[in-house]
């Protein structure tokens, strides 16, 4: 008898639960919001000034690349096998060999 009151509540919850069709609406709203954000950022004065200057674009790109490399270096410090110099050289040579094989395959 204790199960009967729960069944109508559970049925009500299932009827009000959104189905897979609701996710498509969410995707559209997310895409619209992203487009508005891109338009707002692209229209701002600093972004237009940076895009208009090749030097400023190069500086921003170089700083971004340098920060990316620092992040890789810090992440590599946490990997035990490449923590020491010899391990890093061996892993580097293996990666270079794999890259060479892949490039050679693409050239064929």
PDB file of N, CA and C in Angstrom:
ATOM      1  N   UNK A   1       0.803  -1.190   0.000  1.00  0.00           N
ATOM      2  CA  UNK A   1       0.000   0.000   0.000  1.00  0.00           C
ATOM      3  C   UNK A   1       0.851   1.262   0.000  1.00  0.00           C
ATOM      4  N   UNK A   2       2.056   1.151   0.480  1.00  0.00           N
ATOM      5  CA  UNK A   2       2.913   2.323   0.529  1.00  0.00           C
ATOM      6  C   UNK A   2       3.398   2.705  -0.870  1.00  0.00           C
ATOM      7  N   UNK A   3       3.340   1.754  -1.826  1.00  0.00           N
ATOM      8  CA  UNK A   3       3.816   2.029  -3.177  1.00  0.00           C
ATOM      9  C   UNK A   3       2.824   2.818  -4.011  1.00  0.00           C
ATOM     10  N   UNK A   4       1.570   2.781  -3.712  1.00  0.00           N
ATOM     11  CA  UNK A   4       0.570   3.439  -4.557  1.00  0.00           C
ATOM     12  C   UNK A   4       0.671   4.955  -4.564  1.00  0.00           C
ATOM     13  N   UNK A   5       0.975   5.661  -3.455  1.00  0.00           N
ATOM     14  CA  UNK A   5       1.076   7.122  -3.567  1.00  0.00           C
ATOM     15  C   UNK A   5       2.269   7.567  -4.407  1.00  0.00           C
ATOM     16  N   UNK A   6       3.337   6.784  -4.456  1.00  0.00           N
ATOM     17  CA  UNK A   6       4.518   7.169  -5.219  1.00  0.00           C
ATOM     18  C   UNK A   6       4.309   7.049  -6.721  1.00  0.00           C
ATOM     19  N   UNK A   7       3.483   6.149  -7.143  1.00  0.00           N
ATOM     20  CA  UNK A   7       3.302   5.916  -8.564  1.00  0.00           C
ATOM     21  C   UNK A   7       2.718   7.122  -9.295  1.00  0.00           C
ATOM     22  N   UNK A   8       1.702   7.810  -8.787  1.00  0.00           N
ATOM     23  CA  UNK A   8       1.219   9.002  -9.515  1.00  0.00           C
ATOM     24  C   UNK A   8       2.265  10.114  -9.559  1.00  0.00           C
ATOM     25  N   UNK A   9       3.027  10.279  -8.476  1.00  0.00           N
ATOM     26  CA  UNK A   9       4.070  11.307  -8.477  1.00  0.00           C
ATOM     27  C   UNK A   9       5.141  10.983  -9.504  1.00  0.00           C
ATOM     28  N   UNK A  10       5.488   9.715  -9.590  1.00  0.00           N
ATOM     29  CA  UNK A  10       6.505   9.304 -10.552  1.00  0.00           C
ATOM     30  C   UNK A  10       5.998   9.489 -11.976  1.00  0.00           C
ATOM     31  N   UNK A  11       4.740   9.210 -12.210  1.00  0.00           N
ATOM     32  CA  UNK A  11       4.160   9.407 -13.545  1.00  0.00           C
ATOM     33  C   UNK A  11       4.142  10.889 -13.899  1.00  0.00           C
ATOM     34  N   UNK A  12       3.829  11.757 -12.927  1.00  0.00           N
ATOM     35  CA  UNK A  12       3.836  13.209 -13.181  1.00  0.00           C
ATOM     36  C   UNK A  12       5.248  13.689 -13.516  1.00  0.00           C
ATOM     37  N   UNK A  13       6.233  13.156 -12.802  1.00  0.00           N
ATOM     38  CA  UNK A  13       7.612  13.552 -13.072  1.00  0.00           C
ATOM     39  C   UNK A  13       8.045  13.131 -14.474  1.00  0.00           C
ATOM     40  N   UNK A  14       7.630  11.937 -14.891  1.00  0.00           N
ATOM     41  CA  UNK A  14       8.002  11.470 -16.224  1.00  0.00           C
ATOM     42  C   UNK A  14       7.329  12.297 -17.312  1.00  0.00           C
ATOM     43  N   UNK A  15       6.116  12.773 -17.072  1.00  0.00           N
ATOM     44  CA  UNK A  15       5.432  13.600 -18.069  1.00  0.00           C
ATOM     45  C   UNK A  15       6.059  14.978 -18.189  1.00  0.00           C
ATOM     46  N   UNK A  16       6.570  15.506 -17.093  1.00  0.00           N
ATOM     47  CA  UNK A  16       7.148  16.847 -17.133  1.00  0.00           C
ATOM     48  C   UNK A  16       8.630  16.834 -17.491  1.00  0.00           C
ATOM     49  N   UNK A  17       9.245  15.676 -17.527  1.00  0.00           N
ATOM     50  CA  UNK A  17      10.665  15.576 -17.856  1.00  0.00           C
ATOM     51  C   UNK A  17      10.851  15.867 -19.349  1.00  0.00           C
ATOM     52  N   UNK A  18      11.790  16.752 -19.701  1.00  0.00           N
ATOM     53  CA  UNK A  18      11.992  17.052 -21.127  1.00  0.00           C
ATOM     54  C   UNK A  18      12.592  15.853 -21.853  1.00  0.00           C
ATOM     55  N   UNK A  19      12.186  15.710 -23.078  1.00  0.00           N
ATOM     56  CA  UNK A  19      12.673  14.618 -23.895  1.00  0.00           C
ATOM     57  C   UNK A  19      13.868  15.035 -24.725  1.00  0.00           C
ATOM     58  N   UNK A  20      14.298  14.173 -25.633  1.00  0.00           N
ATOM     59  CA  UNK A  20      15.464  14.501 -26.467  1.00  0.00           C
ATOM     60  C   UNK A  20      15.235  15.709 -27.364  1.00  0.00           C
ATOM     61  N   UNK A  21      13.976  16.015 -27.683  1.00  0.00           N
ATOM     62  CA  UNK A  21      13.699  17.172 -28.536  1.00  0.00           C
ATOM     63  C   UNK A  21      14.064  18.477 -27.850  1.00  0.00           C
ATOM     64  N   UNK A  22      14.019  18.499 -26.520  1.00  0.00           N
ATOM     65  CA  UNK A  22      14.351  19.719 -25.787  1.00  0.00           C
ATOM     66  C   UNK A  22      15.826  20.055 -25.928  1.00  0.00           C
ATOM     67  N   UNK A  23      16.665  19.060 -26.119  1.00  0.00           N
ATOM     68  CA  UNK A  23      18.105  19.308 -26.251  1.00  0.00           C
ATOM     69  C   UNK A  23      18.439  20.078 -27.526  1.00  0.00           C
ATOM     70  N   UNK A  24      17.668  19.874 -28.582  1.00  0.00           N
ATOM     71  CA  UNK A  24      17.924  20.619 -29.809  1.00  0.00           C
ATOM     72  C   UNK A  24      17.668  22.099 -29.613  1.00  0.00           C
ATOM     73  N   UNK A  25      16.671  22.449 -28.822  1.00  0.00           N
ATOM     74  CA  UNK A  25      16.415  23.853 -28.509  1.00  0.00           C
ATOM     75  C   UNK A  25      17.548  24.461 -27.712  1.00  0.00           C
ATOM     76  N   UNK A  26      18.097  23.701 -26.789  1.00  0.00           N
ATOM     77  CA  UNK A  26      19.218  24.181 -25.979  1.00  0.00           C
ATOM     78  C   UNK A  26      20.424  24.422 -26.870  1.00  0.00           C
ATOM     79  N   UNK A  27      20.657  23.534 -27.812  1.00  0.00           N
ATOM     80  CA  UNK A  27      21.783  23.698 -28.722  1.00  0.00           C
ATOM     81  C   UNK A  27      21.626  24.976 -29.541  1.00  0.00           C
ATOM     82  N   UNK A  28      20.403  25.258 -29.994  1.00  0.00           N
ATOM     83  CA  UNK A  28      20.167  26.480 -30.768  1.00  0.00           C
ATOM     84  C   UNK A  28      20.416  27.723 -29.924  1.00  0.00           C
ATOM     85  N   UNK A  29      19.945  27.711 -28.681  1.00  0.00           N
ATOM     86  CA  UNK A  29      20.151  28.854 -27.793  1.00  0.00           C
ATOM     87  C   UNK A  29      21.638  29.050 -27.525  1.00  0.00           C
ATOM     88  N   UNK A  30      22.364  27.970 -27.314  1.00  0.00           N
ATOM     89  CA  UNK A  30      23.805  28.060 -27.076  1.00  0.00           C
ATOM     90  C   UNK A  30      24.522  28.621 -28.290  1.00  0.00           C
ATOM     91  N   UNK A  31      24.138  28.164 -29.472  1.00  0.00           N
ATOM     92  CA  UNK A  31      24.763  28.655 -30.698  1.00  0.00           C
ATOM     93  C   UNK A  31      24.469  30.140 -30.903  1.00  0.00           C
ATOM     94  N   UNK A  32      23.229  30.550 -30.636  1.00  0.00           N
ATOM     95  CA  UNK A  32      22.876  31.974 -30.767  1.00  0.00           C
ATOM     96  C   UNK A  32      23.668  32.829 -29.790  1.00  0.00           C
ATOM     97  N   UNK A  33      23.808  32.351 -28.559  1.00  0.00           N
ATOM     98  CA  UNK A  33      24.569  33.100 -27.559  1.00  0.00           C
ATOM     99  C   UNK A  33      26.033  33.209 -27.963  1.00  0.00           C
ATOM    100  N   UNK A  34      26.601  32.126 -28.481  1.00  0.00           N
ATOM    101  CA  UNK A  34      28.003  32.166 -28.925  1.00  0.00           C
ATOM    102  C   UNK A  34      28.177  33.144 -30.083  1.00  0.00           C
ATOM    103  N   UNK A  35      27.238  33.157 -31.013  1.00  0.00           N
ATOM    104  CA  UNK A  35      27.332  34.093 -32.143  1.00  0.00           C
ATOM    105  C   UNK A  35      27.247  35.537 -31.666  1.00  0.00           C
ATOM    106  N   UNK A  36      26.358  35.821 -30.707  1.00  0.00           N
ATOM    107  CA  UNK A  36      26.253  37.183 -30.160  1.00  0.00           C
ATOM    108  C   UNK A  36      27.548  37.586 -29.470  1.00  0.00           C
ATOM    109  N   UNK A  37      28.152  36.659 -28.736  1.00  0.00           N
ATOM    110  CA  UNK A  37      29.402  36.953 -28.046  1.00  0.00           C
ATOM    111  C   UNK A  37      30.522  37.242 -29.038  1.00  0.00           C
ATOM    112  N   UNK A  38      30.599  36.447 -30.102  1.00  0.00           N
ATOM    113  CA  UNK A  38      31.634  36.664 -31.128  1.00  0.00           C
ATOM    114  C   UNK A  38      31.438  38.008 -31.799  1.00  0.00           C
ATOM    115  N   UNK A  39      30.186  38.351 -32.133  1.00  0.00           N
ATOM    116  CA  UNK A  39      29.921  39.651 -32.761  1.00  0.00           C
ATOM    117  C   UNK A  39      30.279  40.804 -31.829  1.00  0.00           C
ATOM    118  N   UNK A  40      30.005  40.647 -30.535  1.00  0.00           N
ATOM    119  CA  UNK A  40      30.314  41.713 -29.577  1.00  0.00           C
ATOM    120  C   UNK A  40      31.824  41.891 -29.434  1.00  0.00           C
ATOM    121  N   UNK A  41      32.559  40.789 -29.392  1.00  0.00           N
ATOM    122  CA  UNK A  41      34.010  40.879 -29.236  1.00  0.00           C
ATOM    123  C   UNK A  41      34.650  41.419 -30.513  1.00  0.00           C
ATOM    124  N   UNK A  42      34.191  40.939 -31.669  1.00  0.00           N
ATOM    125  CA  UNK A  42      34.781  41.404 -32.925  1.00  0.00           C
ATOM    126  C   UNK A  42      34.518  42.887 -33.169  1.00  0.00           C
ATOM    127  N   UNK A  43      33.440  43.409 -32.654  1.00  0.00           N
ATOM    128  CA  UNK A  43      33.108  44.806 -32.883  1.00  0.00           C
ATOM    129  C   UNK A  43      33.810  45.768 -31.940  1.00  0.00           C
ATOM    130  N   UNK A  44      34.495  45.249 -30.922  1.00  0.00           N
ATOM    131  CA  UNK A  44      35.135  46.138 -29.947  1.00  0.00           C
ATOM    132  C   UNK A  44      36.379  46.782 -30.556  1.00  0.00           C
ATOM    133  N   UNK A  45      36.709  47.955 -30.067  1.00  0.00           N
ATOM    134  CA  UNK A  45      37.846  48.718 -30.596  1.00  0.00           C
ATOM    135  C   UNK A  45      39.184  48.007 -30.417  1.00  0.00           C
ATOM    136  N   UNK A  46      39.497  47.434 -29.220  1.00  0.00           N
ATOM    137  CA  UNK A  46      40.805  46.782 -29.076  1.00  0.00           C
ATOM    138  C   UNK A  46      41.010  45.617 -30.052  1.00  0.00           C
ATOM    139  N   UNK A  47      39.969  44.850 -30.303  1.00  0.00           N
ATOM    140  CA  UNK A  47      40.108  43.713 -31.219  1.00  0.00           C
ATOM    141  C   UNK A  47      40.334  44.212 -32.642  1.00  0.00           C
ATOM    142  N   UNK A  48      39.619  45.248 -33.054  1.00  0.00           N
ATOM    143  CA  UNK A  48      39.822  45.804 -34.395  1.00  0.00           C
ATOM    144  C   UNK A  48      41.218  46.382 -34.534  1.00  0.00           C
ATOM    145  N   UNK A  49      41.725  47.027 -33.472  1.00  0.00           N
ATOM    146  CA  UNK A  49      43.065  47.616 -33.524  1.00  0.00           C
ATOM    147  C   UNK A  49      44.131  46.536 -33.633  1.00  0.00           C
ATOM    148  N   UNK A  50      43.969  45.458 -32.883  1.00  0.00           N
ATOM    149  CA  UNK A  50      44.947  44.370 -32.936  1.00  0.00           C
ATOM    150  C   UNK A  50      44.908  43.692 -34.303  1.00  0.00           C
ATOM    151  N   UNK A  51      43.716  43.477 -34.836  1.00  0.00           N
ATOM    152  CA  UNK A  51      43.602  42.842 -36.151  1.00  0.00           C
ATOM    153  C   UNK A  51      44.181  43.727 -37.259  1.00  0.00           C
ATOM    154  N   UNK A  52      44.114  45.016 -37.071  1.00  0.00           N
ATOM    155  CA  UNK A  52      44.627  45.931 -38.081  1.00  0.00           C
ATOM    156  C   UNK A  52      46.136  46.052 -38.059  1.00  0.00           C
ATOM    157  N   UNK A  53      46.765  45.663 -36.962  1.00  0.00           N
ATOM    158  CA  UNK A  53      48.214  45.794 -36.835  1.00  0.00           C
ATOM    159  C   UNK A  53      48.865  44.406 -36.863  1.00  0.00           C
ATOM    160  N   UNK A  54      49.738  44.204 -37.827  1.00  0.00           N
ATOM    161  CA  UNK A  54      50.426  42.920 -37.910  1.00  0.00           C
ATOM    162  C   UNK A  54      51.403  42.740 -36.757  1.00  0.00           C
ATOM    163  N   UNK A  55      51.998  43.824 -36.297  1.00  0.00           N
ATOM    164  CA  UNK A  55      52.945  43.740 -35.187  1.00  0.00           C
ATOM    165  C   UNK A  55      52.226  43.328 -33.914  1.00  0.00           C
ATOM    166  N   UNK A  56      51.082  43.951 -33.638  1.00  0.00           N
ATOM    167  CA  UNK A  56      50.320  43.605 -32.441  1.00  0.00           C
ATOM    168  C   UNK A  56      49.837  42.162 -32.506  1.00  0.00           C
ATOM    169  N   UNK A  57      49.402  41.729 -33.687  1.00  0.00           N
ATOM    170  CA  UNK A  57      48.964  40.347 -33.848  1.00  0.00           C
ATOM    171  C   UNK A  57      50.125  39.391 -33.608  1.00  0.00           C
ATOM    172  N   UNK A  58      51.311  39.732 -34.111  1.00  0.00           N
ATOM    173  CA  UNK A  58      52.487  38.883 -33.909  1.00  0.00           C
ATOM    174  C   UNK A  58      52.873  38.816 -32.434  1.00  0.00           C
ATOM    175  N   UNK A  59      52.787  39.941 -31.740  1.00  0.00           N
ATOM    176  CA  UNK A  59      53.130  39.961 -30.309  1.00  0.00           C
ATOM    177  C   UNK A  59      52.151  39.104 -29.520  1.00  0.00           C
ATOM    178  N   UNK A  60      50.861  39.268 -29.787  1.00  0.00           N
ATOM    179  CA  UNK A  60      49.849  38.480 -29.074  1.00  0.00           C
ATOM    180  C   UNK A  60      50.029  36.991 -29.379  1.00  0.00           C
ATOM    181  N   UNK A  61      50.274  36.662 -30.628  1.00  0.00           N
ATOM    182  CA  UNK A  61      50.486  35.259 -30.999  1.00  0.00           C
ATOM    183  C   UNK A  61      51.731  34.680 -30.359  1.00  0.00           C
ATOM    184  N   UNK A  62      52.808  35.454 -30.307  1.00  0.00           N
ATOM    185  CA  UNK A  62      54.055  34.983 -29.712  1.00  0.00           C
ATOM    186  C   UNK A  62      53.897  34.761 -28.219  1.00  0.00           C
ATOM    187  N   UNK A  63      53.219  35.674 -27.553  1.00  0.00           N
ATOM    188  CA  UNK A  63      52.984  35.507 -26.117  1.00  0.00           C
ATOM    189  C   UNK A  63      52.118  34.276 -25.866  1.00  0.00           C
ATOM    190  N   UNK A  64      51.093  34.081 -26.682  1.00  0.00           N
ATOM    191  CA  UNK A  64      50.244  32.905 -26.535  1.00  0.00           C
ATOM    192  C   UNK A  64      51.021  31.615 -26.743  1.00  0.00           C
ATOM    193  N   UNK A  65      51.883  31.585 -27.758  1.00  0.00           N
ATOM    194  CA  UNK A  65      52.695  30.398 -28.026  1.00  0.00           C
ATOM    195  C   UNK A  65      53.683  30.146 -26.890  1.00  0.00           C
ATOM    196  N   UNK A  66      54.286  31.215 -26.357  1.00  0.00           N
ATOM    197  CA  UNK A  66      55.234  31.061 -25.252  1.00  0.00           C
ATOM    198  C   UNK A  66      54.530  30.507 -24.010  1.00  0.00           C
ATOM    199  N   UNK A  67      53.334  31.015 -23.719  1.00  0.00           N
ATOM    200  CA  UNK A  67      52.587  30.500 -22.571  1.00  0.00           C
ATOM    201  C   UNK A  67      52.190  29.045 -22.776  1.00  0.00           C
ATOM    202  N   UNK A  68      51.867  28.690 -24.007  1.00  0.00           N
ATOM    203  CA  UNK A  68      51.548  27.300 -24.326  1.00  0.00           C
ATOM    204  C   UNK A  68      52.747  26.401 -24.057  1.00  0.00           C
ATOM    205  N   UNK A  69      53.948  26.836 -24.477  1.00  0.00           N
ATOM    206  CA  UNK A  69      55.154  26.045 -24.249  1.00  0.00           C
ATOM    207  C   UNK A  69      55.491  25.927 -22.768  1.00  0.00           C
ATOM    208  N   UNK A  70      55.276  27.003 -22.015  1.00  0.00           N
ATOM    209  CA  UNK A  70      55.509  26.946 -20.567  1.00  0.00           C
ATOM    210  C   UNK A  70      54.550  25.944 -19.930  1.00  0.00           C
ATOM    211  N   UNK A  71      53.312  25.930 -20.403  1.00  0.00           N
ATOM    212  CA  UNK A  71      52.341  24.960 -19.886  1.00  0.00           C
ATOM    213  C   UNK A  71      52.749  23.539 -20.188  1.00  0.00           C
ATOM    214  N   UNK A  72      53.251  23.296 -21.393  1.00  0.00           N
ATOM    215  CA  UNK A  72      53.728  21.950 -21.738  1.00  0.00           C
ATOM    216  C   UNK A  72      54.903  21.562 -20.853  1.00  0.00           C
ATOM    217  N   UNK A  73      55.816  22.511 -20.623  1.00  0.00           N
ATOM    218  CA  UNK A  73      56.975  22.219 -19.782  1.00  0.00           C
ATOM    219  C   UNK A  73      56.557  21.868 -18.360  1.00  0.00           C
ATOM    220  N   UNK A  74      55.601  22.613 -17.817  1.00  0.00           N
ATOM    221  CA  UNK A  74      55.134  22.326 -16.454  1.00  0.00           C
ATOM    222  C   UNK A  74      54.381  21.002 -16.394  1.00  0.00           C
ATOM    223  N   UNK A  75      53.614  20.692 -17.436  1.00  0.00           N
ATOM    224  CA  UNK A  75      52.896  19.416 -17.464  1.00  0.00           C
ATOM    225  C   UNK A  75      53.873  18.257 -17.598  1.00  0.00           C
ATOM    226  N   UNK A  76      54.938  18.443 -18.368  1.00  0.00           N
ATOM    227  CA  UNK A  76      55.929  17.380 -18.549  1.00  0.00           C
ATOM    228  C   UNK A  76      56.699  17.115 -17.268  1.00  0.00           C
ATOM    229  N   UNK A  77      56.822  18.104 -16.402  1.00  0.00           N
ATOM    230  CA  UNK A  77      57.533  17.914 -15.136  1.00  0.00           C
ATOM    231  C   UNK A  77      56.798  16.939 -14.231  1.00  0.00           C
ATOM    232  N   UNK A  78      55.508  16.757 -14.457  1.00  0.00           N
ATOM    233  CA  UNK A  78      54.717  15.846 -13.632  1.00  0.00           C
ATOM    234  C   UNK A  78      54.748  14.402 -14.137  1.00  0.00           C
ATOM    235  N   UNK A  79      55.275  14.183 -15.343  1.00  0.00           N
ATOM    236  CA  UNK A  79      55.350  12.830 -15.902  1.00  0.00           C
ATOM    237  C   UNK A  79      56.678  12.216 -15.478  1.00  0.00           C
ATOM    238  N   UNK A  80      56.637  11.092 -14.751  1.00  0.00           N
ATOM    239  CA  UNK A  80      57.883  10.555 -14.180  1.00  0.00           C
ATOM    240  C   UNK A  80      58.931  10.144 -15.206  1.00  0.00           C
ATOM    241  N   UNK A  81      58.526   9.587 -16.341  1.00  0.00           N
ATOM    242  CA  UNK A  81      59.520   9.074 -17.286  1.00  0.00           C
ATOM    243  C   UNK A  81      60.303  10.198 -17.973  1.00  0.00           C
ATOM    244  N   UNK A  82      59.677  11.349 -18.151  1.00  0.00           N
ATOM    245  CA  UNK A  82      60.399  12.440 -18.812  1.00  0.00           C
ATOM    246  C   UNK A  82      60.827  13.523 -17.830  1.00  0.00           C
ATOM    247  N   UNK A  83      60.792  13.166 -16.545  1.00  0.00           N
ATOM    248  CA  UNK A  83      61.223  14.123 -15.532  1.00  0.00           C
ATOM    249  C   UNK A  83      62.736  14.338 -15.577  1.00  0.00           C
ATOM    250  N   UNK A  84      63.471  13.276 -15.899  1.00  0.00           N
ATOM    251  CA  UNK A  84      64.926  13.444 -16.013  1.00  0.00           C
ATOM    252  C   UNK A  84      65.304  13.656 -17.476  1.00  0.00           C
ATOM    253  N   UNK A  85      66.520  14.108 -17.712  1.00  0.00           N
ATOM    254  CA  UNK A  85      66.964  14.473 -19.051  1.00  0.00           C
ATOM    255  C   UNK A  85      67.020  13.308 -20.026  1.00  0.00           C
ATOM    256  N   UNK A  86      67.524  12.168 -19.577  1.00  0.00           N
ATOM    257  CA  UNK A  86      67.661  11.016 -20.469  1.00  0.00           C
ATOM    258  C   UNK A  86      66.296  10.490 -20.905  1.00  0.00           C
ATOM    259  N   UNK A  87      65.391  10.426 -19.984  1.00  0.00           N
ATOM    260  CA  UNK A  87      64.037   9.973 -20.319  1.00  0.00           C
ATOM    261  C   UNK A  87      63.372  10.906 -21.308  1.00  0.00           C
ATOM    262  N   UNK A  88      63.582  12.201 -21.126  1.00  0.00           N
ATOM    263  CA  UNK A  88      63.003  13.181 -22.039  1.00  0.00           C
ATOM    264  C   UNK A  88      63.600  13.040 -23.434  1.00  0.00           C
ATOM    265  N   UNK A  89      64.925  12.786 -23.508  1.00  0.00           N
ATOM    266  CA  UNK A  89      65.552  12.618 -24.817  1.00  0.00           C
ATOM    267  C   UNK A  89      65.037  11.363 -25.524  1.00  0.00           C
ATOM    268  N   UNK A  90      64.877  10.280 -24.793  1.00  0.00           N
ATOM    269  CA  UNK A  90      64.391   9.038 -25.400  1.00  0.00           C
ATOM    270  C   UNK A  90      62.963   9.202 -25.897  1.00  0.00           C
ATOM    271  N   UNK A  91      62.102   9.788 -25.063  1.00  0.00           N
ATOM    272  CA  UNK A  91      60.713  10.008 -25.479  1.00  0.00           C
ATOM    273  C   UNK A  91      60.669  10.977 -26.661  1.00  0.00           C
ATOM    274  N   UNK A  92      61.522  11.995 -26.651  1.00  0.00           N
ATOM    275  CA  UNK A  92      61.582  12.937 -27.765  1.00  0.00           C
ATOM    276  C   UNK A  92      62.000  12.265 -29.064  1.00  0.00           C
ATOM    277  N   UNK A  93      62.994  11.388 -28.993  1.00  0.00           N
ATOM    278  CA  UNK A  93      63.423  10.663 -30.195  1.00  0.00           C
ATOM    279  C   UNK A  93      62.329   9.741 -30.719  1.00  0.00           C
ATOM    280  N   UNK A  94      61.623   9.102 -29.812  1.00  0.00           N
ATOM    281  CA  UNK A  94      60.506   8.236 -30.235  1.00  0.00           C
ATOM    282  C   UNK A  94      59.428   9.064 -30.922  1.00  0.00           C
ATOM    283  N   UNK A  95      59.099  10.214 -30.344  1.00  0.00           N
ATOM    284  CA  UNK A  95      58.086  11.078 -30.952  1.00  0.00           C
ATOM    285  C   UNK A  95      58.539  11.601 -32.313  1.00  0.00           C
ATOM    286  N   UNK A  96      59.824  11.953 -32.439  1.00  0.00           N
ATOM    287  CA  UNK A  96      60.346  12.399 -33.726  1.00  0.00           C
ATOM    288  C   UNK A  96      60.279  11.280 -34.766  1.00  0.00           C
ATOM    289  N   UNK A  97      60.589  10.060 -34.351  1.00  0.00           N
ATOM    290  CA  UNK A  97      60.518   8.928 -35.281  1.00  0.00           C
ATOM    291  C   UNK A  97      59.080   8.682 -35.734  1.00  0.00           C
ATOM    292  N   UNK A  98      58.143   8.752 -34.806  1.00  0.00           N
ATOM    293  CA  UNK A  98      56.727   8.569 -35.159  1.00  0.00           C
ATOM    294  C   UNK A  98      56.275   9.666 -36.111  1.00  0.00           C
ATOM    295  N   UNK A  99      56.664  10.901 -35.824  1.00  0.00           N
ATOM    296  CA  UNK A  99      56.292  12.010 -36.707  1.00  0.00           C
ATOM    297  C   UNK A  99      56.901  11.825 -38.093  1.00  0.00           C
ATOM    298  N   UNK A 100      58.155  11.353 -38.157  1.00  0.00           N
ATOM    299  CA  UNK A 100      58.791  11.098 -39.450  1.00  0.00           C
ATOM    300  C   UNK A 100      58.070  10.028 -40.239  1.00  0.00           C
ATOM    301  N   UNK A 101      57.646   8.967 -39.567  1.00  0.00           N
ATOM    302  CA  UNK A 101      56.904   7.894 -40.241  1.00  0.00           C
ATOM    303  C   UNK A 101      55.574   8.428 -40.770  1.00  0.00           C
ATOM    304  N   UNK A 102      54.888   9.219 -39.964  1.00  0.00           N
ATOM    305  CA  UNK A 102      53.604   9.781 -40.400  1.00  0.00           C
ATOM    306  C   UNK A 102      53.778  10.718 -41.594  1.00  0.00           C
ATOM    307  N   UNK A 103      54.801  11.548 -41.552  1.00  0.00           N
ATOM    308  CA  UNK A 103      55.043  12.467 -42.668  1.00  0.00           C
ATOM    309  C   UNK A 103      55.397  11.694 -43.930  1.00  0.00           C
ATOM    310  N   UNK A 104      56.182  10.655 -43.770  1.00  0.00           N
ATOM    311  CA  UNK A 104      56.556   9.847 -44.930  1.00  0.00           C
ATOM    312  C   UNK A 104      55.336   9.175 -45.544  1.00  0.00           C
ATOM    313  N   UNK A 105      54.420   8.721 -44.695  1.00  0.00           N
ATOM    314  CA  UNK A 105      53.177   8.104 -45.192  1.00  0.00           C
ATOM    315  C   UNK A 105      52.337   9.108 -45.963  1.00  0.00           C
ATOM    316  N   UNK A 106      52.264  10.336 -45.467  1.00  0.00           N
ATOM    317  CA  UNK A 106      51.469  11.353 -46.139  1.00  0.00           C
ATOM    318  C   UNK A 106      52.064  11.734 -47.481  1.00  0.00           C
ATOM    319  N   UNK A 107      53.364  11.628 -47.625  1.00  0.00           N
ATOM    320  CA  UNK A 107      54.028  12.013 -48.862  1.00  0.00           C
ATOM    321  C   UNK A 107      53.882  10.961 -49.954  1.00  0.00           C
ATOM    322  N   UNK A 108      53.532   9.747 -49.580  1.00  0.00           N
ATOM    323  CA  UNK A 108      53.394   8.673 -50.571  1.00  0.00           C
ATOM    324  C   UNK A 108      52.134   8.827 -51.392  1.00  0.00           C
TER     325      UNK A 108
END
